Amino acid sequence: IVEGSENGKRTVDESDLRVYLEKWDKTYWPTYKVLDILQKVFY
């Protein structure tokens, strides 16, 4: 939001917030998937 709004000077829209989603999913999706598999196998 800070980056998309240029430090609060502009409005933001959904595309700015999707930058966060894309970065999050790229970084942490493998972690969530591996732990999901481990739980299904060992619990």
PDB file of all heavy atoms in Angstrom:
ATOM      1  N   ILE A   1       0.835  -1.208   0.000  1.00  0.00           N
ATOM      2  CA  ILE A   1       0.000   0.000   0.000  1.00  0.00           C
ATOM      3  C   ILE A   1       0.869   1.257   0.000  1.00  0.00           C
ATOM      4  O   ILE A   1       0.599   2.215  -0.734  1.00  0.00           O
ATOM      5  CB  ILE A   1      -0.948  -0.007   1.214  1.00  0.00           C
ATOM      6  CG1 ILE A   1      -1.991  -1.120   1.057  1.00  0.00           C
ATOM      7  CG2 ILE A   1      -1.635   1.344   1.385  1.00  0.00           C
ATOM      8  CD1 ILE A   1      -2.894  -1.295   2.267  1.00  0.00           C
ATOM      9  N   VAL A   2       1.919   1.243   0.798  1.00  0.00           N
ATOM     10  CA  VAL A   2       2.821   2.403   0.845  1.00  0.00           C
ATOM     11  C   VAL A   2       3.445   2.639  -0.525  1.00  0.00           C
ATOM     12  O   VAL A   2       3.491   3.776  -1.026  1.00  0.00           O
ATOM     13  CB  VAL A   2       3.911   2.190   1.911  1.00  0.00           C
ATOM     14  CG1 VAL A   2       4.996   3.267   1.795  1.00  0.00           C
ATOM     15  CG2 VAL A   2       3.307   2.207   3.306  1.00  0.00           C
ATOM     16  N   GLU A   3       3.921   1.568  -1.150  1.00  0.00           N
ATOM     17  CA  GLU A   3       4.549   1.707  -2.463  1.00  0.00           C
ATOM     18  C   GLU A   3       3.535   2.116  -3.525  1.00  0.00           C
ATOM     19  O   GLU A   3       3.791   3.018  -4.327  1.00  0.00           O
ATOM     20  CB  GLU A   3       5.208   0.381  -2.862  1.00  0.00           C
ATOM     21  CG  GLU A   3       5.906   0.436  -4.219  1.00  0.00           C
ATOM     22  CD  GLU A   3       6.555  -0.876  -4.601  1.00  0.00           C
ATOM     23  OE1 GLU A   3       6.514  -1.823  -3.794  1.00  0.00           O
ATOM     24  OE2 GLU A   3       7.092  -0.966  -5.728  1.00  0.00           O
ATOM     25  N   GLY A   4       2.372   1.458  -3.532  1.00  0.00           N
ATOM     26  CA  GLY A   4       1.369   1.776  -4.548  1.00  0.00           C
ATOM     27  C   GLY A   4       0.817   3.182  -4.432  1.00  0.00           C
ATOM     28  O   GLY A   4       0.448   3.795  -5.440  1.00  0.00           O
ATOM     29  N   SER A   5       0.761   3.701  -3.212  1.00  0.00           N
ATOM     30  CA  SER A   5       0.219   5.054  -2.993  1.00  0.00           C
ATOM     31  C   SER A   5       1.296   6.128  -3.045  1.00  0.00           C
ATOM     32  O   SER A   5       0.981   7.303  -2.837  1.00  0.00           O
ATOM     33  CB  SER A   5      -0.482   5.113  -1.635  1.00  0.00           C
ATOM     34  OG  SER A   5       0.463   5.011  -0.578  1.00  0.00           O
ATOM     35  N   GLU A   6       2.530   5.723  -3.303  1.00  0.00           N
ATOM     36  CA  GLU A   6       3.651   6.673  -3.294  1.00  0.00           C
ATOM     37  C   GLU A   6       3.687   7.426  -1.970  1.00  0.00           C
ATOM     38  O   GLU A   6       3.639   8.641  -1.905  1.00  0.00           O
ATOM     39  CB  GLU A   6       3.578   7.625  -4.490  1.00  0.00           C
ATOM     40  CG  GLU A   6       3.699   6.915  -5.836  1.00  0.00           C
ATOM     41  CD  GLU A   6       3.623   7.850  -7.029  1.00  0.00           C
ATOM     42  OE1 GLU A   6       3.470   9.074  -6.816  1.00  0.00           O
ATOM     43  OE2 GLU A   6       3.706   7.357  -8.162  1.00  0.00           O
ATOM     44  N   ASN A   7       3.750   6.634  -0.898  1.00  0.00           N
ATOM     45  CA  ASN A   7       3.814   7.163   0.473  1.00  0.00           C
ATOM     46  C   ASN A   7       2.599   8.011   0.839  1.00  0.00           C
ATOM     47  O   ASN A   7       2.710   9.058   1.478  1.00  0.00           O
ATOM     48  CB  ASN A   7       5.099   7.949   0.702  1.00  0.00           C
ATOM     49  CG  ASN A   7       6.327   7.071   0.594  1.00  0.00           C
ATOM     50  OD1 ASN A   7       6.951   6.966  -0.463  1.00  0.00           O
ATOM     51  ND2 ASN A   7       6.665   6.397   1.684  1.00  0.00           N
ATOM     52  N   GLY A   8       1.437   7.499   0.426  1.00  0.00           N
ATOM     53  CA  GLY A   8       0.196   8.141   0.839  1.00  0.00           C
ATOM     54  C   GLY A   8      -0.265   9.279  -0.026  1.00  0.00           C
ATOM     55  O   GLY A   8      -1.259   9.936   0.305  1.00  0.00           O
ATOM     56  N   LYS A   9       0.385   9.523  -1.153  1.00  0.00           N
ATOM     57  CA  LYS A   9       0.035  10.667  -2.000  1.00  0.00           C
ATOM     58  C   LYS A   9      -1.030  10.331  -3.039  1.00  0.00           C
ATOM     59  O   LYS A   9      -1.714  11.216  -3.539  1.00  0.00           O
ATOM     60  CB  LYS A   9       1.284  11.205  -2.704  1.00  0.00           C
ATOM     61  CG  LYS A   9       2.407  11.610  -1.746  1.00  0.00           C
ATOM     62  CD  LYS A   9       1.950  12.609  -0.712  1.00  0.00           C
ATOM     63  CE  LYS A   9       3.092  12.993   0.238  1.00  0.00           C
ATOM     64  NZ  LYS A   9       2.608  13.869   1.333  1.00  0.00           N
ATOM     65  N   ARG A  10      -1.158   9.029  -3.376  1.00  0.00           N
ATOM     66  CA  ARG A  10      -2.135   8.616  -4.382  1.00  0.00           C
ATOM     67  C   ARG A  10      -3.109   7.602  -3.785  1.00  0.00           C
ATOM     68  O   ARG A  10      -2.824   6.978  -2.775  1.00  0.00           O
ATOM     69  CB  ARG A  10      -1.431   7.985  -5.590  1.00  0.00           C
ATOM     70  CG  ARG A  10      -0.588   8.947  -6.403  1.00  0.00           C
ATOM     71  CD  ARG A  10      -0.032   8.252  -7.630  1.00  0.00           C
ATOM     72  NE  ARG A  10       0.781   9.140  -8.446  1.00  0.00           N
ATOM     73  CZ  ARG A  10       0.300   9.980  -9.370  1.00  0.00           C
ATOM     74  NH1 ARG A  10      -1.022  10.007  -9.594  1.00  0.00           N
ATOM     75  NH2 ARG A  10       1.085  10.759 -10.066  1.00  0.00           N
ATOM     76  N   THR A  11      -4.234   7.438  -4.435  1.00  0.00           N
ATOM     77  CA  THR A  11      -5.163   6.384  -4.035  1.00  0.00           C
ATOM     78  C   THR A  11      -4.612   5.026  -4.485  1.00  0.00           C
ATOM     79  O   THR A  11      -3.709   4.962  -5.324  1.00  0.00           O
ATOM     80  CB  THR A  11      -6.549   6.603  -4.660  1.00  0.00           C
ATOM     81  OG1 THR A  11      -6.432   6.580  -6.081  1.00  0.00           O
ATOM     82  CG2 THR A  11      -7.143   7.923  -4.196  1.00  0.00           C
ATOM     83  N   VAL A  12      -5.152   3.965  -3.918  1.00  0.00           N
ATOM     84  CA  VAL A  12      -4.749   2.613  -4.322  1.00  0.00           C
ATOM     85  C   VAL A  12      -5.973   1.859  -4.828  1.00  0.00           C
ATOM     86  O   VAL A  12      -7.106   2.265  -4.593  1.00  0.00           O
ATOM     87  CB  VAL A  12      -4.113   1.837  -3.139  1.00  0.00           C
ATOM     88  CG1 VAL A  12      -2.788   2.459  -2.737  1.00  0.00           C
ATOM     89  CG2 VAL A  12      -5.065   1.759  -1.951  1.00  0.00           C
ATOM     90  N   ASP A  13      -5.712   0.759  -5.542  1.00  0.00           N
ATOM     91  CA  ASP A  13      -6.803  -0.096  -5.980  1.00  0.00           C
ATOM     92  C   ASP A  13      -6.388  -1.555  -5.806  1.00  0.00           C
ATOM     93  O   ASP A  13      -5.348  -1.854  -5.220  1.00  0.00           O
ATOM     94  CB  ASP A  13      -7.231   0.229  -7.420  1.00  0.00           C
ATOM     95  CG  ASP A  13      -6.103   0.045  -8.422  1.00  0.00           C
ATOM     96  OD1 ASP A  13      -5.184  -0.773  -8.158  1.00  0.00           O
ATOM     97  OD2 ASP A  13      -6.124   0.697  -9.480  1.00  0.00           O
ATOM     98  N   GLU A  14      -7.202  -2.449  -6.340  1.00  0.00           N
ATOM     99  CA  GLU A  14      -6.960  -3.868  -6.115  1.00  0.00           C
ATOM    100  C   GLU A  14      -5.618  -4.337  -6.655  1.00  0.00           C
ATOM    101  O   GLU A  14      -4.987  -5.238  -6.085  1.00  0.00           O
ATOM    102  CB  GLU A  14      -8.091  -4.685  -6.755  1.00  0.00           C
ATOM    103  CG  GLU A  14      -7.994  -6.174  -6.453  1.00  0.00           C
ATOM    104  CD  GLU A  14      -9.241  -6.935  -6.857  1.00  0.00           C
ATOM    105  OE1 GLU A  14     -10.350  -6.401  -6.673  1.00  0.00           O
ATOM    106  OE2 GLU A  14      -9.094  -8.063  -7.363  1.00  0.00           O
ATOM    107  N   SER A  15      -5.138  -3.733  -7.734  1.00  0.00           N
ATOM    108  CA  SER A  15      -3.864  -4.172  -8.299  1.00  0.00           C
ATOM    109  C   SER A  15      -2.709  -3.949  -7.326  1.00  0.00           C
ATOM    110  O   SER A  15      -1.765  -4.740  -7.282  1.00  0.00           O
ATOM    111  CB  SER A  15      -3.587  -3.443  -9.619  1.00  0.00           C
ATOM    112  OG  SER A  15      -3.365  -2.062  -9.402  1.00  0.00           O
ATOM    113  N   ASP A  16      -2.781  -2.891  -6.531  1.00  0.00           N
ATOM    114  CA  ASP A  16      -1.731  -2.640  -5.533  1.00  0.00           C
ATOM    115  C   ASP A  16      -1.743  -3.722  -4.460  1.00  0.00           C
ATOM    116  O   ASP A  16      -0.688  -4.201  -4.030  1.00  0.00           O
ATOM    117  CB  ASP A  16      -1.944  -1.266  -4.889  1.00  0.00           C
ATOM    118  CG  ASP A  16      -1.806  -0.124  -5.875  1.00  0.00           C
ATOM    119  OD1 ASP A  16      -0.732   0.009  -6.478  1.00  0.00           O
ATOM    120  OD2 ASP A  16      -2.787   0.616  -6.054  1.00  0.00           O
ATOM    121  N   LEU A  17      -2.926  -4.105  -4.024  1.00  0.00           N
ATOM    122  CA  LEU A  17      -3.022  -5.121  -2.981  1.00  0.00           C
ATOM    123  C   LEU A  17      -2.643  -6.501  -3.506  1.00  0.00           C
ATOM    124  O   LEU A  17      -2.127  -7.341  -2.755  1.00  0.00           O
ATOM    125  CB  LEU A  17      -4.441  -5.135  -2.408  1.00  0.00           C
ATOM    126  CG  LEU A  17      -4.895  -3.814  -1.783  1.00  0.00           C
ATOM    127  CD1 LEU A  17      -6.290  -3.956  -1.184  1.00  0.00           C
ATOM    128  CD2 LEU A  17      -3.924  -3.337  -0.721  1.00  0.00           C
ATOM    129  N   ARG A  18      -2.863  -6.733  -4.789  1.00  0.00           N
ATOM    130  CA  ARG A  18      -2.479  -8.022  -5.356  1.00  0.00           C
ATOM    131  C   ARG A  18      -0.953  -8.169  -5.472  1.00  0.00           C
ATOM    132  O   ARG A  18      -0.455  -9.295  -5.578  1.00  0.00           O
ATOM    133  CB  ARG A  18      -3.151  -8.241  -6.707  1.00  0.00           C
ATOM    134  CG  ARG A  18      -4.627  -8.527  -6.559  1.00  0.00           C
ATOM    135  CD  ARG A  18      -5.221  -9.232  -7.759  1.00  0.00           C
ATOM    136  NE  ARG A  18      -6.613  -9.595  -7.470  1.00  0.00           N
ATOM    137  CZ  ARG A  18      -6.977 -10.674  -6.816  1.00  0.00           C
ATOM    138  NH1 ARG A  18      -6.057 -11.523  -6.383  1.00  0.00           N
ATOM    139  NH2 ARG A  18      -8.251 -10.931  -6.584  1.00  0.00           N
ATOM    140  N   VAL A  19      -0.242  -7.087  -5.444  1.00  0.00           N
ATOM    141  CA  VAL A  19       1.222  -7.172  -5.384  1.00  0.00           C
ATOM    142  C   VAL A  19       1.634  -7.917  -4.114  1.00  0.00           C
ATOM    143  O   VAL A  19       2.541  -8.765  -4.128  1.00  0.00           O
ATOM    144  CB  VAL A  19       1.849  -5.767  -5.425  1.00  0.00           C
ATOM    145  CG1 VAL A  19       3.348  -5.829  -5.119  1.00  0.00           C
ATOM    146  CG2 VAL A  19       1.617  -5.127  -6.794  1.00  0.00           C
ATOM    147  N   TYR A  20       0.968  -7.597  -3.012  1.00  0.00           N
ATOM    148  CA  TYR A  20       1.231  -8.305  -1.745  1.00  0.00           C
ATOM    149  C   TYR A  20       0.891  -9.781  -1.875  1.00  0.00           C
ATOM    150  O   TYR A  20       1.683 -10.650  -1.459  1.00  0.00           O
ATOM    151  CB  TYR A  20       0.429  -7.639  -0.618  1.00  0.00           C
ATOM    152  CG  TYR A  20      -0.283  -8.569   0.331  1.00  0.00           C
ATOM    153  CD1 TYR A  20       0.425  -9.400   1.198  1.00  0.00           C
ATOM    154  CD2 TYR A  20      -1.682  -8.625   0.370  1.00  0.00           C
ATOM    155  CE1 TYR A  20      -0.241 -10.263   2.072  1.00  0.00           C
ATOM    156  CE2 TYR A  20      -2.346  -9.467   1.229  1.00  0.00           C
ATOM    157  CZ  TYR A  20      -1.628 -10.288   2.079  1.00  0.00           C
ATOM    158  OH  TYR A  20      -2.286 -11.139   2.936  1.00  0.00           O
ATOM    159  N   LEU A  21      -0.266 -10.107  -2.463  1.00  0.00           N
ATOM    160  CA  LEU A  21      -0.675 -11.508  -2.590  1.00  0.00           C
ATOM    161  C   LEU A  21       0.312 -12.306  -3.427  1.00  0.00           C
ATOM    162  O   LEU A  21       0.686 -13.424  -3.080  1.00  0.00           O
ATOM    163  CB  LEU A  21      -2.054 -11.598  -3.237  1.00  0.00           C
ATOM    164  CG  LEU A  21      -3.294 -11.574  -2.355  1.00  0.00           C
ATOM    165  CD1 LEU A  21      -4.494 -12.051  -3.157  1.00  0.00           C
ATOM    166  CD2 LEU A  21      -3.122 -12.415  -1.117  1.00  0.00           C
ATOM    167  N   GLU A  22       0.718 -11.739  -4.551  1.00  0.00           N
ATOM    168  CA  GLU A  22       1.635 -12.439  -5.443  1.00  0.00           C
ATOM    169  C   GLU A  22       2.971 -12.708  -4.758  1.00  0.00           C
ATOM    170  O   GLU A  22       3.536 -13.804  -4.868  1.00  0.00           O
ATOM    171  CB  GLU A  22       1.839 -11.628  -6.717  1.00  0.00           C
ATOM    172  CG  GLU A  22       0.594 -11.552  -7.589  1.00  0.00           C
ATOM    173  CD  GLU A  22       0.730 -10.561  -8.737  1.00  0.00           C
ATOM    174  OE1 GLU A  22       1.804  -9.918  -8.827  1.00  0.00           O
ATOM    175  OE2 GLU A  22      -0.221 -10.429  -9.517  1.00  0.00           O
ATOM    176  N   LYS A  23       3.471 -11.729  -4.044  1.00  0.00           N
ATOM    177  CA  LYS A  23       4.735 -11.891  -3.337  1.00  0.00           C
ATOM    178  C   LYS A  23       4.601 -12.929  -2.230  1.00  0.00           C
ATOM    179  O   LYS A  23       5.480 -13.782  -2.037  1.00  0.00           O
ATOM    180  CB  LYS A  23       5.169 -10.542  -2.753  1.00  0.00           C
ATOM    181  CG  LYS A  23       6.525 -10.570  -2.063  1.00  0.00           C
ATOM    182  CD  LYS A  23       6.909  -9.183  -1.579  1.00  0.00           C
ATOM    183  CE  LYS A  23       8.265  -9.213  -0.861  1.00  0.00           C
ATOM    184  NZ  LYS A  23       8.623  -7.856  -0.348  1.00  0.00           N
ATOM    185  N   TRP A  24       3.492 -12.893  -1.513  1.00  0.00           N
ATOM    186  CA  TRP A  24       3.267 -13.846  -0.419  1.00  0.00           C
ATOM    187  C   TRP A  24       3.200 -15.274  -0.946  1.00  0.00           C
ATOM    188  O   TRP A  24       3.860 -16.168  -0.422  1.00  0.00           O
ATOM    189  CB  TRP A  24       1.981 -13.477   0.315  1.00  0.00           C
ATOM    190  CG  TRP A  24       1.634 -14.473   1.376  1.00  0.00           C
ATOM    191  CD1 TRP A  24       0.845 -15.577   1.240  1.00  0.00           C
ATOM    192  CD2 TRP A  24       2.107 -14.485   2.728  1.00  0.00           C
ATOM    193  NE1 TRP A  24       0.782 -16.272   2.430  1.00  0.00           N
ATOM    194  CE2 TRP A  24       1.553 -15.623   3.352  1.00  0.00           C
ATOM    195  CE3 TRP A  24       2.929 -13.634   3.460  1.00  0.00           C
ATOM    196  CZ2 TRP A  24       1.804 -15.934   4.680  1.00  0.00           C
ATOM    197  CZ3 TRP A  24       3.182 -13.936   4.791  1.00  0.00           C
ATOM    198  CH2 TRP A  24       2.628 -15.079   5.386  1.00  0.00           C
ATOM    199  N   ASP A  25       2.393 -15.475  -1.958  1.00  0.00           N
ATOM    200  CA  ASP A  25       2.208 -16.821  -2.487  1.00  0.00           C
ATOM    201  C   ASP A  25       3.505 -17.382  -3.059  1.00  0.00           C
ATOM    202  O   ASP A  25       3.823 -18.562  -2.877  1.00  0.00           O
ATOM    203  CB  ASP A  25       1.122 -16.825  -3.552  1.00  0.00           C
ATOM    204  CG  ASP A  25      -0.263 -16.559  -2.982  1.00  0.00           C
ATOM    205  OD1 ASP A  25      -0.398 -16.572  -1.744  1.00  0.00           O
ATOM    206  OD2 ASP A  25      -1.195 -16.318  -3.765  1.00  0.00           O
ATOM    207  N   LYS A  26       4.254 -16.559  -3.738  1.00  0.00           N
ATOM    208  CA  LYS A  26       5.512 -17.016  -4.315  1.00  0.00           C
ATOM    209  C   LYS A  26       6.504 -17.415  -3.229  1.00  0.00           C
ATOM    210  O   LYS A  26       7.239 -18.397  -3.375  1.00  0.00           O
ATOM    211  CB  LYS A  26       6.113 -15.915  -5.191  1.00  0.00           C
ATOM    212  CG  LYS A  26       7.421 -16.317  -5.859  1.00  0.00           C
ATOM    213  CD  LYS A  26       7.942 -15.203  -6.749  1.00  0.00           C
ATOM    214  CE  LYS A  26       9.248 -15.618  -7.419  1.00  0.00           C
ATOM    215  NZ  LYS A  26       9.768 -14.543  -8.302  1.00  0.00           N
ATOM    216  N   THR A  27       6.506 -16.686  -2.127  1.00  0.00           N
ATOM    217  CA  THR A  27       7.490 -16.920  -1.064  1.00  0.00           C
ATOM    218  C   THR A  27       7.108 -18.101  -0.180  1.00  0.00           C
ATOM    219  O   THR A  27       7.968 -18.920   0.180  1.00  0.00           O
ATOM    220  CB  THR A  27       7.641 -15.661  -0.191  1.00  0.00           C
ATOM    221  OG1 THR A  27       7.993 -14.555  -1.028  1.00  0.00           O
ATOM    222  CG2 THR A  27       8.727 -15.854   0.864  1.00  0.00           C
ATOM    223  N   TYR A  28       5.822 -18.224   0.177  1.00  0.00           N
ATOM    224  CA  TYR A  28       5.449 -19.156   1.247  1.00  0.00           C
ATOM    225  C   TYR A  28       4.571 -20.331   0.824  1.00  0.00           C
ATOM    226  O   TYR A  28       4.344 -21.235   1.631  1.00  0.00           O
ATOM    227  CB  TYR A  28       4.753 -18.386   2.375  1.00  0.00           C
ATOM    228  CG  TYR A  28       5.671 -17.388   3.026  1.00  0.00           C
ATOM    229  CD1 TYR A  28       5.438 -16.017   2.923  1.00  0.00           C
ATOM    230  CD2 TYR A  28       6.798 -17.808   3.718  1.00  0.00           C
ATOM    231  CE1 TYR A  28       6.300 -15.105   3.509  1.00  0.00           C
ATOM    232  CE2 TYR A  28       7.659 -16.909   4.300  1.00  0.00           C
ATOM    233  CZ  TYR A  28       7.412 -15.546   4.195  1.00  0.00           C
ATOM    234  OH  TYR A  28       8.267 -14.644   4.767  1.00  0.00           O
ATOM    235  N   TRP A  29       4.077 -20.342  -0.430  1.00  0.00           N
ATOM    236  CA  TRP A  29       3.237 -21.465  -0.837  1.00  0.00           C
ATOM    237  C   TRP A  29       3.930 -22.809  -0.650  1.00  0.00           C
ATOM    238  O   TRP A  29       3.316 -23.756  -0.136  1.00  0.00           O
ATOM    239  CB  TRP A  29       2.787 -21.303  -2.286  1.00  0.00           C
ATOM    240  CG  TRP A  29       1.941 -22.441  -2.753  1.00  0.00           C
ATOM    241  CD1 TRP A  29       0.592 -22.591  -2.600  1.00  0.00           C
ATOM    242  CD2 TRP A  29       2.381 -23.624  -3.425  1.00  0.00           C
ATOM    243  NE1 TRP A  29       0.171 -23.780  -3.136  1.00  0.00           N
ATOM    244  CE2 TRP A  29       1.241 -24.446  -3.644  1.00  0.00           C
ATOM    245  CE3 TRP A  29       3.625 -24.078  -3.856  1.00  0.00           C
ATOM    246  CZ2 TRP A  29       1.330 -25.667  -4.293  1.00  0.00           C
ATOM    247  CZ3 TRP A  29       3.709 -25.303  -4.495  1.00  0.00           C
ATOM    248  CH2 TRP A  29       2.573 -26.081  -4.706  1.00  0.00           C
ATOM    249  N   PRO A  30       5.221 -22.975  -1.011  1.00  0.00           N
ATOM    250  CA  PRO A  30       5.866 -24.290  -0.819  1.00  0.00           C
ATOM    251  C   PRO A  30       5.871 -24.737   0.638  1.00  0.00           C
ATOM    252  O   PRO A  30       5.668 -25.923   0.930  1.00  0.00           O
ATOM    253  CB  PRO A  30       7.299 -24.062  -1.343  1.00  0.00           C
ATOM    254  CG  PRO A  30       7.170 -22.915  -2.298  1.00  0.00           C
ATOM    255  CD  PRO A  30       6.126 -22.030  -1.705  1.00  0.00           C
ATOM    256  N   THR A  31       6.089 -23.810   1.570  1.00  0.00           N
ATOM    257  CA  THR A  31       6.101 -24.155   2.990  1.00  0.00           C
ATOM    258  C   THR A  31       4.752 -24.714   3.424  1.00  0.00           C
ATOM    259  O   THR A  31       4.669 -25.755   4.092  1.00  0.00           O
ATOM    260  CB  THR A  31       6.444 -22.920   3.838  1.00  0.00           C
ATOM    261  OG1 THR A  31       7.761 -22.479   3.499  1.00  0.00           O
ATOM    262  CG2 THR A  31       6.389 -23.240   5.327  1.00  0.00           C
ATOM    263  N   TYR A  32       3.681 -24.034   3.041  1.00  0.00           N
ATOM    264  CA  TYR A  32       2.338 -24.481   3.430  1.00  0.00           C
ATOM    265  C   TYR A  32       2.013 -25.835   2.813  1.00  0.00           C
ATOM    266  O   TYR A  32       1.414 -26.705   3.461  1.00  0.00           O
ATOM    267  CB  TYR A  32       1.295 -23.437   3.010  1.00  0.00           C
ATOM    268  CG  TYR A  32       1.228 -22.258   3.940  1.00  0.00           C
ATOM    269  CD1 TYR A  32       2.138 -21.213   3.839  1.00  0.00           C
ATOM    270  CD2 TYR A  32       0.276 -22.186   4.942  1.00  0.00           C
ATOM    271  CE1 TYR A  32       2.092 -20.133   4.700  1.00  0.00           C
ATOM    272  CE2 TYR A  32       0.210 -21.108   5.809  1.00  0.00           C
ATOM    273  CZ  TYR A  32       1.128 -20.083   5.676  1.00  0.00           C
ATOM    274  OH  TYR A  32       1.084 -19.013   6.542  1.00  0.00           O
ATOM    275  N   LYS A  33       2.403 -26.042   1.575  1.00  0.00           N
ATOM    276  CA  LYS A  33       2.078 -27.283   0.891  1.00  0.00           C
ATOM    277  C   LYS A  33       2.825 -28.462   1.506  1.00  0.00           C
ATOM    278  O   LYS A  33       2.239 -29.538   1.723  1.00  0.00           O
ATOM    279  CB  LYS A  33       2.421 -27.159  -0.591  1.00  0.00           C
ATOM    280  CG  LYS A  33       1.848 -28.291  -1.448  1.00  0.00           C
ATOM    281  CD  LYS A  33       0.331 -28.302  -1.391  1.00  0.00           C
ATOM    282  CE  LYS A  33      -0.249 -29.410  -2.256  1.00  0.00           C
ATOM    283  NZ  LYS A  33      -1.724 -29.471  -2.144  1.00  0.00           N
ATOM    284  N   VAL A  34       4.123 -28.287   1.785  1.00  0.00           N
ATOM    285  CA  VAL A  34       4.917 -29.370   2.375  1.00  0.00           C
ATOM    286  C   VAL A  34       4.359 -29.766   3.739  1.00  0.00           C
ATOM    287  O   VAL A  34       4.209 -30.957   4.054  1.00  0.00           O
ATOM    288  CB  VAL A  34       6.398 -28.955   2.493  1.00  0.00           C
ATOM    289  CG1 VAL A  34       7.165 -29.932   3.382  1.00  0.00           C
ATOM    290  CG2 VAL A  34       7.047 -28.909   1.113  1.00  0.00           C
ATOM    291  N   LEU A  35       4.037 -28.778   4.576  1.00  0.00           N
ATOM    292  CA  LEU A  35       3.512 -29.083   5.904  1.00  0.00           C
ATOM    293  C   LEU A  35       2.123 -29.716   5.834  1.00  0.00           C
ATOM    294  O   LEU A  35       1.766 -30.541   6.679  1.00  0.00           O
ATOM    295  CB  LEU A  35       3.490 -27.818   6.759  1.00  0.00           C
ATOM    296  CG  LEU A  35       4.877 -27.298   7.147  1.00  0.00           C
ATOM    297  CD1 LEU A  35       4.773 -25.953   7.865  1.00  0.00           C
ATOM    298  CD2 LEU A  35       5.613 -28.297   8.025  1.00  0.00           C
ATOM    299  N   ASP A  36       1.353 -29.344   4.832  1.00  0.00           N
ATOM    300  CA  ASP A  36       0.056 -29.976   4.621  1.00  0.00           C
ATOM    301  C   ASP A  36       0.232 -31.467   4.310  1.00  0.00           C
ATOM    302  O   ASP A  36      -0.470 -32.327   4.865  1.00  0.00           O
ATOM    303  CB  ASP A  36      -0.668 -29.275   3.468  1.00  0.00           C
ATOM    304  CG  ASP A  36      -2.053 -29.844   3.209  1.00  0.00           C
ATOM    305  OD1 ASP A  36      -2.707 -30.270   4.180  1.00  0.00           O
ATOM    306  OD2 ASP A  36      -2.477 -29.859   2.045  1.00  0.00           O
ATOM    307  N   ILE A  37       1.198 -31.781   3.452  1.00  0.00           N
ATOM    308  CA  ILE A  37       1.469 -33.177   3.108  1.00  0.00           C
ATOM    309  C   ILE A  37       1.960 -33.948   4.326  1.00  0.00           C
ATOM    310  O   ILE A  37       1.525 -35.079   4.586  1.00  0.00           O
ATOM    311  CB  ILE A  37       2.501 -33.247   1.965  1.00  0.00           C
ATOM    312  CG1 ILE A  37       1.900 -32.673   0.678  1.00  0.00           C
ATOM    313  CG2 ILE A  37       2.969 -34.682   1.740  1.00  0.00           C
ATOM    314  CD1 ILE A  37       2.889 -32.499  -0.451  1.00  0.00           C
ATOM    315  N   LEU A  38       2.868 -33.350   5.089  1.00  0.00           N
ATOM    316  CA  LEU A  38       3.392 -34.025   6.284  1.00  0.00           C
ATOM    317  C   LEU A  38       2.276 -34.363   7.262  1.00  0.00           C
ATOM    318  O   LEU A  38       2.259 -35.449   7.854  1.00  0.00           O
ATOM    319  CB  LEU A  38       4.445 -33.142   6.963  1.00  0.00           C
ATOM    320  CG  LEU A  38       5.806 -33.055   6.281  1.00  0.00           C
ATOM    321  CD1 LEU A  38       6.702 -32.083   7.033  1.00  0.00           C
ATOM    322  CD2 LEU A  38       6.470 -34.422   6.203  1.00  0.00           C
ATOM    323  N   GLN A  39       1.340 -33.433   7.456  1.00  0.00           N
ATOM    324  CA  GLN A  39       0.247 -33.684   8.384  1.00  0.00           C
ATOM    325  C   GLN A  39      -0.625 -34.839   7.892  1.00  0.00           C
ATOM    326  O   GLN A  39      -1.036 -35.707   8.685  1.00  0.00           O
ATOM    327  CB  GLN A  39      -0.604 -32.432   8.568  1.00  0.00           C
ATOM    328  CG  GLN A  39      -1.773 -32.647   9.533  1.00  0.00           C
ATOM    329  CD  GLN A  39      -2.366 -31.343  10.038  1.00  0.00           C
ATOM    330  OE1 GLN A  39      -1.674 -30.346  10.160  1.00  0.00           O
ATOM    331  NE2 GLN A  39      -3.648 -31.343  10.337  1.00  0.00           N
ATOM    332  N   LYS A  40      -0.898 -34.869   6.591  1.00  0.00           N
ATOM    333  CA  LYS A  40      -1.730 -35.933   6.051  1.00  0.00           C
ATOM    334  C   LYS A  40      -1.042 -37.298   6.146  1.00  0.00           C
ATOM    335  O   LYS A  40      -1.697 -38.316   6.355  1.00  0.00           O
ATOM    336  CB  LYS A  40      -2.084 -35.620   4.598  1.00  0.00           C
ATOM    337  CG  LYS A  40      -3.053 -34.460   4.447  1.00  0.00           C
ATOM    338  CD  LYS A  40      -3.299 -34.125   2.990  1.00  0.00           C
ATOM    339  CE  LYS A  40      -4.287 -32.958   2.863  1.00  0.00           C
ATOM    340  NZ  LYS A  40      -4.471 -32.551   1.449  1.00  0.00           N
ATOM    341  N   VAL A  41       0.282 -37.319   6.005  1.00  0.00           N
ATOM    342  CA  VAL A  41       1.014 -38.581   6.026  1.00  0.00           C
ATOM    343  C   VAL A  41       1.218 -39.098   7.446  1.00  0.00           C
ATOM    344  O   VAL A  41       0.978 -40.274   7.743  1.00  0.00           O
ATOM    345  CB  VAL A  41       2.371 -38.436   5.307  1.00  0.00           C
ATOM    346  CG1 VAL A  41       3.229 -39.677   5.512  1.00  0.00           C
ATOM    347  CG2 VAL A  41       2.163 -38.186   3.819  1.00  0.00           C
ATOM    348  N   PHE A  42       1.650 -38.204   8.354  1.00  0.00           N
ATOM    349  CA  PHE A  42       2.116 -38.660   9.661  1.00  0.00           C
ATOM    350  C   PHE A  42       1.123 -38.484  10.805  1.00  0.00           C
ATOM    351  O   PHE A  42       1.333 -39.021  11.885  1.00  0.00           O
ATOM    352  CB  PHE A  42       3.427 -37.952  10.022  1.00  0.00           C
ATOM    353  CG  PHE A  42       4.589 -38.391   9.179  1.00  0.00           C
ATOM    354  CD1 PHE A  42       5.151 -37.546   8.252  1.00  0.00           C
ATOM    355  CD2 PHE A  42       5.110 -39.665   9.315  1.00  0.00           C
ATOM    356  CE1 PHE A  42       6.226 -37.950   7.472  1.00  0.00           C
ATOM    357  CE2 PHE A  42       6.183 -40.086   8.544  1.00  0.00           C
ATOM    358  CZ  PHE A  42       6.745 -39.225   7.615  1.00  0.00           C
ATOM    359  N   TYR A  43       0.054 -37.718  10.619  1.00  0.00           N
ATOM    360  CA  TYR A  43      -0.908 -37.526  11.704  1.00  0.00           C
ATOM    361  C   TYR A  43      -2.170 -38.369  11.513  1.00  0.00           C
ATOM    362  O   TYR A  43      -3.152 -38.182  12.209  1.00  0.00           O
ATOM    363  CB  TYR A  43      -1.308 -36.047  11.802  1.00  0.00           C
ATOM    364  CG  TYR A  43      -0.280 -35.148  12.460  1.00  0.00           C
ATOM    365  CD1 TYR A  43       1.001 -35.592  12.743  1.00  0.00           C
ATOM    366  CD2 TYR A  43      -0.594 -33.843  12.801  1.00  0.00           C
ATOM    367  CE1 TYR A  43       1.937 -34.764  13.320  1.00  0.00           C
ATOM    368  CE2 TYR A  43       0.341 -32.999  13.387  1.00  0.00           C
ATOM    369  CZ  TYR A  43       1.611 -33.475  13.641  1.00  0.00           C
ATOM    370  OH  TYR A  43       2.537 -32.649  14.222  1.00  0.00           O
TER     371      TYR A  43
END
